[in-house]
Amino acid sequence: MEQVEFDKMKSFDREAEILKVLGHPVRLKIVAGLMSQSCNVKKIWECLGLPQATVSQHLALLKNKGIIEGKRDGVEVFYHVISDEARSVVGALFETGPCQ
């Protein structure tokens, strides 16, 4: 394990923001799922069993915080994880895999 020193010059603002955003169960589920495959909004809300509006709000927050990105394919937008920090955090939480 990497040793972290107490560095008064490092703010940890970005890391704290990622942890705050991932601290919501729905957003954590979304990121964990998107780590294995890109999905459109419809597939995400169907898999989670949540209203489309709720999922869209969570996706917008994840996108605004630089954790996910959407790529347009025709009329659909497919989301995937772009934040290496978020991948590391979620990967550490689910070392055996996010769907187990």
N, C-alpha and C. Protein backbone atom coordinates (compact mmCIF):
# COMPACT_ATOMS: atom_id res chain seq x y z
N MET A 1 0.84 -1.17 0.00
CA MET A 1 0.00 0.00 0.00
C MET A 1 0.89 1.24 0.00
N GLU A 2 0.50 2.22 -0.79
CA GLU A 2 1.25 3.46 -0.89
C GLU A 2 1.11 4.26 0.40
N GLN A 3 2.24 4.78 0.86
CA GLN A 3 2.23 5.58 2.08
C GLN A 3 1.89 7.02 1.72
N VAL A 4 0.95 7.61 2.47
CA VAL A 4 0.55 8.99 2.25
C VAL A 4 1.10 9.81 3.40
N GLU A 5 1.86 10.82 3.05
CA GLU A 5 2.42 11.69 4.08
C GLU A 5 1.47 12.84 4.35
N PHE A 6 1.58 13.40 5.54
CA PHE A 6 0.79 14.58 5.89
C PHE A 6 1.46 15.78 5.27
N ASP A 7 0.90 16.23 4.16
CA ASP A 7 1.47 17.33 3.40
C ASP A 7 0.58 18.56 3.56
N LYS A 8 1.07 19.54 4.29
CA LYS A 8 0.25 20.73 4.52
C LYS A 8 0.03 21.54 3.25
N MET A 9 0.77 21.25 2.20
CA MET A 9 0.63 21.98 0.94
C MET A 9 -0.44 21.36 0.03
N LYS A 10 -0.79 20.11 0.26
CA LYS A 10 -1.79 19.44 -0.58
C LYS A 10 -3.17 19.66 0.02
N SER A 11 -4.11 20.07 -0.79
CA SER A 11 -5.43 20.42 -0.28
C SER A 11 -6.41 19.24 -0.20
N PHE A 12 -6.26 18.25 -1.06
CA PHE A 12 -7.17 17.11 -1.14
C PHE A 12 -8.59 17.53 -1.53
N ASP A 13 -8.75 18.70 -2.10
CA ASP A 13 -10.07 19.17 -2.49
C ASP A 13 -10.71 18.27 -3.54
N ARG A 14 -9.98 17.91 -4.57
CA ARG A 14 -10.52 17.07 -5.64
C ARG A 14 -10.91 15.70 -5.09
N GLU A 15 -10.05 15.12 -4.28
CA GLU A 15 -10.33 13.80 -3.72
C GLU A 15 -11.57 13.85 -2.83
N ALA A 16 -11.68 14.89 -2.01
CA ALA A 16 -12.85 15.03 -1.14
C ALA A 16 -14.13 15.20 -1.95
N GLU A 17 -14.05 15.94 -3.05
CA GLU A 17 -15.22 16.16 -3.91
C GLU A 17 -15.67 14.84 -4.54
N ILE A 18 -14.73 14.04 -4.99
CA ILE A 18 -15.07 12.75 -5.58
C ILE A 18 -15.73 11.85 -4.55
N LEU A 19 -15.18 11.81 -3.34
CA LEU A 19 -15.77 10.99 -2.29
C LEU A 19 -17.18 11.47 -1.94
N LYS A 20 -17.39 12.78 -1.93
CA LYS A 20 -18.70 13.34 -1.63
C LYS A 20 -19.72 12.93 -2.70
N VAL A 21 -19.32 13.03 -3.96
CA VAL A 21 -20.23 12.68 -5.05
C VAL A 21 -20.53 11.18 -5.05
N LEU A 22 -19.51 10.38 -4.81
CA LEU A 22 -19.70 8.93 -4.80
C LEU A 22 -20.36 8.43 -3.52
N GLY A 23 -20.57 9.32 -2.55
CA GLY A 23 -21.17 8.95 -1.28
C GLY A 23 -22.66 8.67 -1.36
N HIS A 24 -23.28 8.94 -2.48
CA HIS A 24 -24.71 8.64 -2.65
C HIS A 24 -24.85 7.25 -3.28
N PRO A 25 -25.69 6.38 -2.71
CA PRO A 25 -25.80 5.01 -3.22
C PRO A 25 -26.15 4.91 -4.71
N VAL A 26 -27.02 5.76 -5.20
CA VAL A 26 -27.40 5.69 -6.62
C VAL A 26 -26.21 6.06 -7.50
N ARG A 27 -25.50 7.11 -7.14
CA ARG A 27 -24.35 7.51 -7.96
C ARG A 27 -23.25 6.46 -7.89
N LEU A 28 -23.06 5.85 -6.74
CA LEU A 28 -22.07 4.79 -6.61
C LEU A 28 -22.44 3.61 -7.50
N LYS A 29 -23.72 3.24 -7.53
CA LYS A 29 -24.18 2.16 -8.41
C LYS A 29 -23.96 2.50 -9.87
N ILE A 30 -24.26 3.74 -10.24
CA ILE A 30 -24.10 4.17 -11.63
C ILE A 30 -22.64 4.06 -12.04
N VAL A 31 -21.74 4.60 -11.23
CA VAL A 31 -20.32 4.58 -11.58
C VAL A 31 -19.80 3.15 -11.61
N ALA A 32 -20.19 2.33 -10.64
CA ALA A 32 -19.75 0.93 -10.63
C ALA A 32 -20.20 0.21 -11.90
N GLY A 33 -21.44 0.44 -12.31
CA GLY A 33 -21.94 -0.19 -13.53
C GLY A 33 -21.26 0.31 -14.78
N LEU A 34 -21.00 1.62 -14.82
CA LEU A 34 -20.36 2.20 -16.01
C LEU A 34 -18.88 1.85 -16.12
N MET A 35 -18.30 1.35 -15.06
CA MET A 35 -16.90 0.94 -15.14
C MET A 35 -16.73 -0.30 -16.02
N SER A 36 -17.79 -1.10 -16.12
CA SER A 36 -17.68 -2.32 -16.92
C SER A 36 -18.24 -2.17 -18.33
N GLN A 37 -19.14 -1.20 -18.52
CA GLN A 37 -19.71 -1.01 -19.86
C GLN A 37 -20.33 0.38 -19.98
N SER A 38 -20.33 0.90 -21.20
CA SER A 38 -21.03 2.15 -21.48
C SER A 38 -22.52 1.87 -21.58
N CYS A 39 -23.32 2.81 -21.10
CA CYS A 39 -24.78 2.62 -21.14
C CYS A 39 -25.46 3.93 -21.47
N ASN A 40 -26.65 3.81 -22.05
CA ASN A 40 -27.47 5.00 -22.26
C ASN A 40 -28.39 5.17 -21.05
N VAL A 41 -29.04 6.33 -20.98
CA VAL A 41 -29.89 6.65 -19.82
C VAL A 41 -30.98 5.61 -19.63
N LYS A 42 -31.62 5.19 -20.71
CA LYS A 42 -32.72 4.24 -20.60
C LYS A 42 -32.27 2.94 -19.94
N LYS A 43 -31.14 2.42 -20.37
CA LYS A 43 -30.65 1.16 -19.79
C LYS A 43 -30.32 1.35 -18.31
N ILE A 44 -29.75 2.50 -17.98
CA ILE A 44 -29.38 2.75 -16.58
C ILE A 44 -30.62 2.80 -15.71
N TRP A 45 -31.64 3.58 -16.13
CA TRP A 45 -32.82 3.68 -15.26
C TRP A 45 -33.61 2.38 -15.22
N GLU A 46 -33.59 1.61 -16.30
CA GLU A 46 -34.26 0.31 -16.27
C GLU A 46 -33.55 -0.65 -15.31
N CYS A 47 -32.22 -0.65 -15.35
CA CYS A 47 -31.44 -1.54 -14.47
C CYS A 47 -31.60 -1.16 -13.00
N LEU A 48 -31.67 0.14 -12.73
CA LEU A 48 -31.78 0.60 -11.35
C LEU A 48 -33.22 0.60 -10.84
N GLY A 49 -34.18 0.56 -11.75
CA GLY A 49 -35.57 0.61 -11.35
C GLY A 49 -35.97 1.97 -10.79
N LEU A 50 -35.36 3.02 -11.31
CA LEU A 50 -35.64 4.38 -10.86
C LEU A 50 -36.24 5.19 -12.00
N PRO A 51 -36.95 6.27 -11.67
CA PRO A 51 -37.50 7.13 -12.72
C PRO A 51 -36.38 7.77 -13.55
N GLN A 52 -36.67 7.98 -14.81
CA GLN A 52 -35.70 8.56 -15.74
C GLN A 52 -35.20 9.91 -15.24
N ALA A 53 -36.08 10.73 -14.69
CA ALA A 53 -35.69 12.06 -14.21
C ALA A 53 -34.67 11.97 -13.08
N THR A 54 -34.85 11.01 -12.19
CA THR A 54 -33.93 10.82 -11.07
C THR A 54 -32.55 10.43 -11.57
N VAL A 55 -32.52 9.47 -12.48
CA VAL A 55 -31.25 9.01 -13.05
C VAL A 55 -30.57 10.15 -13.79
N SER A 56 -31.32 10.92 -14.55
CA SER A 56 -30.74 12.03 -15.31
C SER A 56 -30.11 13.07 -14.38
N GLN A 57 -30.74 13.33 -13.24
CA GLN A 57 -30.16 14.27 -12.28
C GLN A 57 -28.83 13.76 -11.74
N HIS A 58 -28.76 12.49 -11.41
CA HIS A 58 -27.51 11.91 -10.91
C HIS A 58 -26.44 11.91 -12.00
N LEU A 59 -26.82 11.58 -13.22
CA LEU A 59 -25.86 11.60 -14.33
C LEU A 59 -25.33 13.00 -14.56
N ALA A 60 -26.19 14.01 -14.46
CA ALA A 60 -25.75 15.40 -14.67
C ALA A 60 -24.73 15.80 -13.62
N LEU A 61 -24.93 15.41 -12.37
CA LEU A 61 -23.98 15.74 -11.32
C LEU A 61 -22.65 15.03 -11.55
N LEU A 62 -22.71 13.75 -11.87
CA LEU A 62 -21.48 13.00 -12.15
C LEU A 62 -20.72 13.60 -13.33
N LYS A 63 -21.45 14.03 -14.34
CA LYS A 63 -20.83 14.64 -15.52
C LYS A 63 -20.21 15.99 -15.16
N ASN A 64 -20.94 16.81 -14.40
CA ASN A 64 -20.44 18.13 -14.01
C ASN A 64 -19.20 18.05 -13.13
N LYS A 65 -19.06 16.98 -12.38
CA LYS A 65 -17.89 16.80 -11.51
C LYS A 65 -16.74 16.11 -12.21
N GLY A 66 -16.91 15.81 -13.51
CA GLY A 66 -15.82 15.22 -14.29
C GLY A 66 -15.59 13.75 -14.02
N ILE A 67 -16.61 13.06 -13.55
CA ILE A 67 -16.47 11.63 -13.24
C ILE A 67 -16.89 10.77 -14.43
N ILE A 68 -17.93 11.19 -15.12
CA ILE A 68 -18.38 10.47 -16.32
C ILE A 68 -18.44 11.44 -17.50
N GLU A 69 -18.59 10.85 -18.67
CA GLU A 69 -18.72 11.62 -19.91
C GLU A 69 -19.74 10.91 -20.79
N GLY A 70 -20.48 11.69 -21.54
CA GLY A 70 -21.44 11.13 -22.48
C GLY A 70 -20.96 11.29 -23.90
N LYS A 71 -21.11 10.24 -24.69
CA LYS A 71 -20.77 10.28 -26.12
C LYS A 71 -22.04 10.01 -26.91
N ARG A 72 -22.34 10.91 -27.82
CA ARG A 72 -23.54 10.78 -28.63
C ARG A 72 -23.33 9.76 -29.73
N ASP A 73 -24.34 8.89 -29.89
CA ASP A 73 -24.37 7.91 -30.97
C ASP A 73 -25.77 7.98 -31.58
N GLY A 74 -25.92 8.78 -32.62
CA GLY A 74 -27.24 9.02 -33.20
C GLY A 74 -28.07 9.85 -32.24
N VAL A 75 -29.21 9.33 -31.84
CA VAL A 75 -30.07 10.06 -30.91
C VAL A 75 -29.79 9.70 -29.45
N GLU A 76 -28.95 8.70 -29.21
CA GLU A 76 -28.66 8.25 -27.85
C GLU A 76 -27.32 8.80 -27.37
N VAL A 77 -27.21 8.94 -26.05
CA VAL A 77 -25.96 9.32 -25.41
C VAL A 77 -25.54 8.16 -24.52
N PHE A 78 -24.33 7.67 -24.73
CA PHE A 78 -23.79 6.58 -23.93
C PHE A 78 -22.77 7.14 -22.96
N TYR A 79 -22.92 6.79 -21.70
CA TYR A 79 -22.06 7.31 -20.64
C TYR A 79 -21.00 6.30 -20.27
N HIS A 80 -19.82 6.82 -19.88
CA HIS A 80 -18.73 5.99 -19.39
C HIS A 80 -17.91 6.79 -18.39
N VAL A 81 -17.15 6.10 -17.56
CA VAL A 81 -16.34 6.72 -16.51
C VAL A 81 -15.06 7.27 -17.13
N ILE A 82 -14.73 8.53 -16.82
CA ILE A 82 -13.49 9.13 -17.32
C ILE A 82 -12.52 9.49 -16.19
N SER A 83 -12.98 9.46 -14.95
CA SER A 83 -12.13 9.84 -13.82
C SER A 83 -11.35 8.64 -13.29
N ASP A 84 -10.03 8.73 -13.39
CA ASP A 84 -9.18 7.66 -12.85
C ASP A 84 -9.31 7.57 -11.33
N GLU A 85 -9.49 8.73 -10.68
CA GLU A 85 -9.65 8.73 -9.23
C GLU A 85 -10.92 7.98 -8.83
N ALA A 86 -12.02 8.24 -9.54
CA ALA A 86 -13.28 7.55 -9.24
C ALA A 86 -13.14 6.05 -9.50
N ARG A 87 -12.46 5.69 -10.58
CA ARG A 87 -12.23 4.27 -10.87
C ARG A 87 -11.46 3.61 -9.72
N SER A 88 -10.45 4.29 -9.22
CA SER A 88 -9.65 3.74 -8.12
C SER A 88 -10.47 3.56 -6.86
N VAL A 89 -11.28 4.56 -6.52
CA VAL A 89 -12.11 4.49 -5.31
C VAL A 89 -13.12 3.34 -5.43
N VAL A 90 -13.84 3.29 -6.52
CA VAL A 90 -14.86 2.25 -6.70
C VAL A 90 -14.20 0.88 -6.80
N GLY A 91 -13.07 0.82 -7.49
CA GLY A 91 -12.34 -0.44 -7.60
C GLY A 91 -11.90 -0.96 -6.25
N ALA A 92 -11.46 -0.05 -5.38
CA ALA A 92 -11.03 -0.46 -4.04
C ALA A 92 -12.21 -0.96 -3.21
N LEU A 93 -13.37 -0.35 -3.40
CA LEU A 93 -14.57 -0.77 -2.65
C LEU A 93 -15.05 -2.15 -3.08
N PHE A 94 -14.89 -2.45 -4.37
CA PHE A 94 -15.43 -3.67 -4.94
C PHE A 94 -14.32 -4.51 -5.56
N GLU A 95 -13.35 -4.89 -4.75
CA GLU A 95 -12.22 -5.65 -5.29
C GLU A 95 -12.64 -6.95 -5.93
N THR A 96 -13.78 -7.50 -5.54
CA THR A 96 -14.26 -8.74 -6.14
C THR A 96 -15.22 -8.49 -7.29
N GLY A 97 -15.50 -7.20 -7.57
CA GLY A 97 -16.41 -6.84 -8.65
C GLY A 97 -17.63 -6.13 -8.12
N PRO A 98 -18.12 -5.10 -8.82
CA PRO A 98 -19.20 -4.27 -8.33
C PRO A 98 -20.56 -4.96 -8.30
N CYS A 99 -20.74 -6.04 -9.03
CA CYS A 99 -22.08 -6.65 -9.12
C CYS A 99 -22.23 -7.86 -8.21
N GLN A 100 -21.30 -8.07 -7.32
CA GLN A 100 -21.39 -9.26 -6.46
C GLN A 100 -21.92 -8.91 -5.10
